Amino acid sequence: MKQYRKKPVVIEATQWLGSAQSFDEILAMGPIKWKPGKMGTDTFFIKTLEGWHIASKGDWIIKGVKGEFYPCKPDIFEMTYEAVEK
């Protein structure tokens, strides 16, 4: 079986911390389609290319290379991405 390495791609992302400020940072990334989660929880739904996905407090919200948005669990984000120095 052949092996493949993921191409290095720079993405935009911000972590959902359950606050109005972190949600404003998510909205500032671009036109994201979202709807509220269950009342009393720190969740909301994001429209992705595959349909609606739940974003929980602590998840990273990623803007992909084609402008799409999707949530990513913190452990997966840490294994997959590193900060870019400007």
Protein backbone atom coordinates (compact mmCIF):
# COMPACT_ATOMS: atom_id res chain seq x y z
CA MET A 1 0.00 0.00 0.00
CA LYS A 2 1.30 3.49 -0.81
CA GLN A 3 1.67 6.11 1.88
CA TYR A 4 0.80 9.78 1.54
CA ARG A 5 1.70 12.93 3.46
CA LYS A 6 -0.82 15.69 3.90
CA LYS A 7 0.20 18.82 1.98
CA PRO A 8 1.12 21.76 4.17
CA VAL A 9 -1.82 24.14 4.08
CA VAL A 10 -2.32 27.26 6.15
CA ILE A 11 -5.84 27.56 7.58
CA GLU A 12 -7.67 30.02 9.79
CA ALA A 13 -9.00 28.70 13.09
CA THR A 14 -10.24 29.89 16.44
CA GLN A 15 -11.22 27.94 19.53
CA TRP A 16 -14.81 27.99 20.77
CA LEU A 17 -14.49 28.83 24.47
CA GLY A 18 -18.19 29.22 25.20
CA SER A 19 -18.03 33.02 25.43
CA ALA A 20 -19.54 35.79 23.35
CA GLN A 21 -16.03 37.02 22.55
CA SER A 22 -14.87 33.68 21.13
CA PHE A 23 -18.11 33.37 19.13
CA ASP A 24 -17.50 36.86 17.70
CA GLU A 25 -14.03 35.68 16.63
CA ILE A 26 -15.63 32.72 14.84
CA LEU A 27 -18.11 34.97 13.04
CA ALA A 28 -15.27 37.32 12.03
CA MET A 29 -13.69 34.50 9.98
CA GLY A 30 -16.40 34.83 7.33
CA PRO A 31 -19.95 33.88 6.40
CA ILE A 32 -20.53 30.80 8.54
CA LYS A 33 -23.92 29.09 8.58
CA TRP A 34 -24.80 28.15 12.14
CA LYS A 35 -27.71 27.52 14.47
CA PRO A 36 -27.93 27.29 18.27
CA GLY A 37 -27.42 24.03 20.12
CA LYS A 38 -29.52 22.67 22.95
CA MET A 39 -30.55 25.34 25.47
CA GLY A 40 -28.22 25.50 28.46
CA THR A 41 -25.26 23.91 26.68
CA ASP A 42 -22.12 25.41 25.20
CA THR A 43 -22.82 23.95 21.77
CA PHE A 44 -23.95 25.14 18.37
CA PHE A 45 -24.30 23.61 14.92
CA ILE A 46 -22.16 24.46 11.90
CA LYS A 47 -23.16 23.79 8.30
CA THR A 48 -20.25 21.88 6.73
CA LEU A 49 -19.79 20.40 3.27
CA GLU A 50 -21.07 17.11 4.74
CA GLY A 51 -24.10 18.58 6.54
CA TRP A 52 -24.71 19.96 10.04
CA HIS A 53 -22.08 19.19 12.68
CA ILE A 54 -22.14 20.04 16.37
CA ALA A 55 -19.43 22.28 17.82
CA SER A 56 -18.82 21.85 21.54
CA LYS A 57 -17.00 24.13 23.95
CA GLY A 58 -13.25 23.61 23.43
CA ASP A 59 -13.55 22.62 19.76
CA TRP A 60 -11.57 24.50 17.16
CA ILE A 61 -13.57 26.03 14.34
CA ILE A 62 -11.58 25.78 11.12
CA LYS A 63 -12.02 27.68 7.88
CA GLY A 64 -10.81 25.37 5.13
CA VAL A 65 -9.01 26.15 1.91
CA LYS A 66 -12.26 26.63 -0.01
CA GLY A 67 -13.88 28.84 2.64
CA GLU A 68 -15.80 25.98 4.26
CA PHE A 69 -16.13 25.72 8.04
CA TYR A 70 -15.99 22.69 10.30
CA PRO A 71 -15.36 21.86 13.96
CA CYS A 72 -12.31 19.92 15.12
CA LYS A 73 -11.77 18.32 18.52
CA PRO A 74 -8.84 19.85 20.47
CA ASP A 75 -6.72 16.68 20.55
CA ILE A 76 -7.03 16.15 16.79
CA PHE A 77 -6.30 19.84 16.16
CA GLU A 78 -3.13 19.66 18.27
CA MET A 79 -1.90 16.55 16.42
CA THR A 80 -2.65 18.03 13.00
CA TYR A 81 -1.85 21.75 13.16
CA GLU A 82 0.83 24.06 14.48
CA ALA A 83 0.87 27.85 14.74
CA VAL A 84 2.32 29.79 11.82
CA GLU A 85 4.76 32.55 12.69
CA LYS A 86 4.10 35.70 10.69
